[in-house]
């Protein structure tokens, strides 16, 4: 019985997620672009810190 309830819960969550995405696709894509831009900036910052630390250690 637990397997059926777990499967039913998965189906309900899948349908709800799909419905939300289809109704808010523009907002979801906009947020995705923002997250990617922020993560790129964070990776660049870490890379810059690493480069600076490497330069300091070479001296």
Protein backbone atom coordinates (compact mmCIF):
# COMPACT_ATOMS: atom_id res chain seq x y z
CA UNK A 1 0.00 0.00 0.00
CA UNK A 2 2.89 2.39 0.75
CA UNK A 3 4.26 1.98 -2.76
CA UNK A 4 0.95 3.08 -4.28
CA UNK A 5 0.68 6.13 -2.07
CA UNK A 6 4.29 7.07 -2.85
CA UNK A 7 3.66 6.64 -6.56
CA UNK A 8 0.46 8.68 -6.36
CA UNK A 9 2.30 11.44 -4.48
CA UNK A 10 5.00 11.45 -7.18
CA UNK A 11 2.40 11.73 -9.91
CA UNK A 12 0.64 14.60 -8.13
CA UNK A 13 3.93 16.48 -7.60
CA UNK A 14 4.95 15.88 -11.21
CA UNK A 15 1.66 17.17 -12.56
CA UNK A 16 1.75 20.19 -10.25
CA UNK A 17 5.34 21.01 -11.25
CA UNK A 18 4.55 20.67 -14.94
CA UNK A 19 1.43 22.80 -14.62
CA UNK A 20 3.34 25.52 -12.74
CA UNK A 21 6.14 25.53 -15.31
CA UNK A 22 3.75 25.75 -18.26
CA UNK A 23 1.83 28.63 -16.67
CA UNK A 24 4.94 30.53 -15.51
CA UNK A 25 7.52 29.61 -18.13
CA UNK A 26 8.69 33.21 -18.63
CA UNK A 27 9.25 33.76 -14.91
CA UNK A 28 11.04 30.42 -14.54
CA UNK A 29 13.36 31.18 -17.46
CA UNK A 30 14.09 34.65 -16.09
CA UNK A 31 15.01 33.25 -12.68
CA UNK A 32 17.16 30.58 -14.34
CA UNK A 33 19.12 33.26 -16.20
CA UNK A 34 19.58 35.24 -12.97
CA UNK A 35 20.85 32.19 -11.09
CA UNK A 36 23.29 31.34 -13.89
CA UNK A 37 24.59 34.93 -14.00
CA UNK A 38 25.12 35.00 -10.23
CA UNK A 39 26.90 31.66 -10.26
CA UNK A 40 29.18 32.85 -13.09
CA UNK A 41 30.03 35.98 -11.10
CA UNK A 42 30.77 33.87 -8.02
CA UNK A 43 33.03 31.53 -10.02
CA UNK A 44 34.85 34.52 -11.52
CA UNK A 45 35.37 36.00 -8.06
CA UNK A 46 36.79 32.72 -6.71
CA UNK A 47 39.04 32.46 -9.75
CA UNK A 48 40.28 36.03 -9.24
CA UNK A 49 41.00 35.34 -5.57
CA UNK A 50 42.89 32.20 -6.55
CA UNK A 51 44.94 34.11 -9.11
CA UNK A 52 45.75 36.81 -6.59
CA UNK A 53 46.79 34.25 -4.00
CA UNK A 54 48.97 32.48 -6.54
CA UNK A 55 50.68 35.74 -7.48
CA UNK A 56 51.31 36.54 -3.82
CA UNK A 57 52.84 33.12 -3.19
CA UNK A 58 55.16 33.43 -6.21
CA UNK A 59 56.76 36.59 -4.80
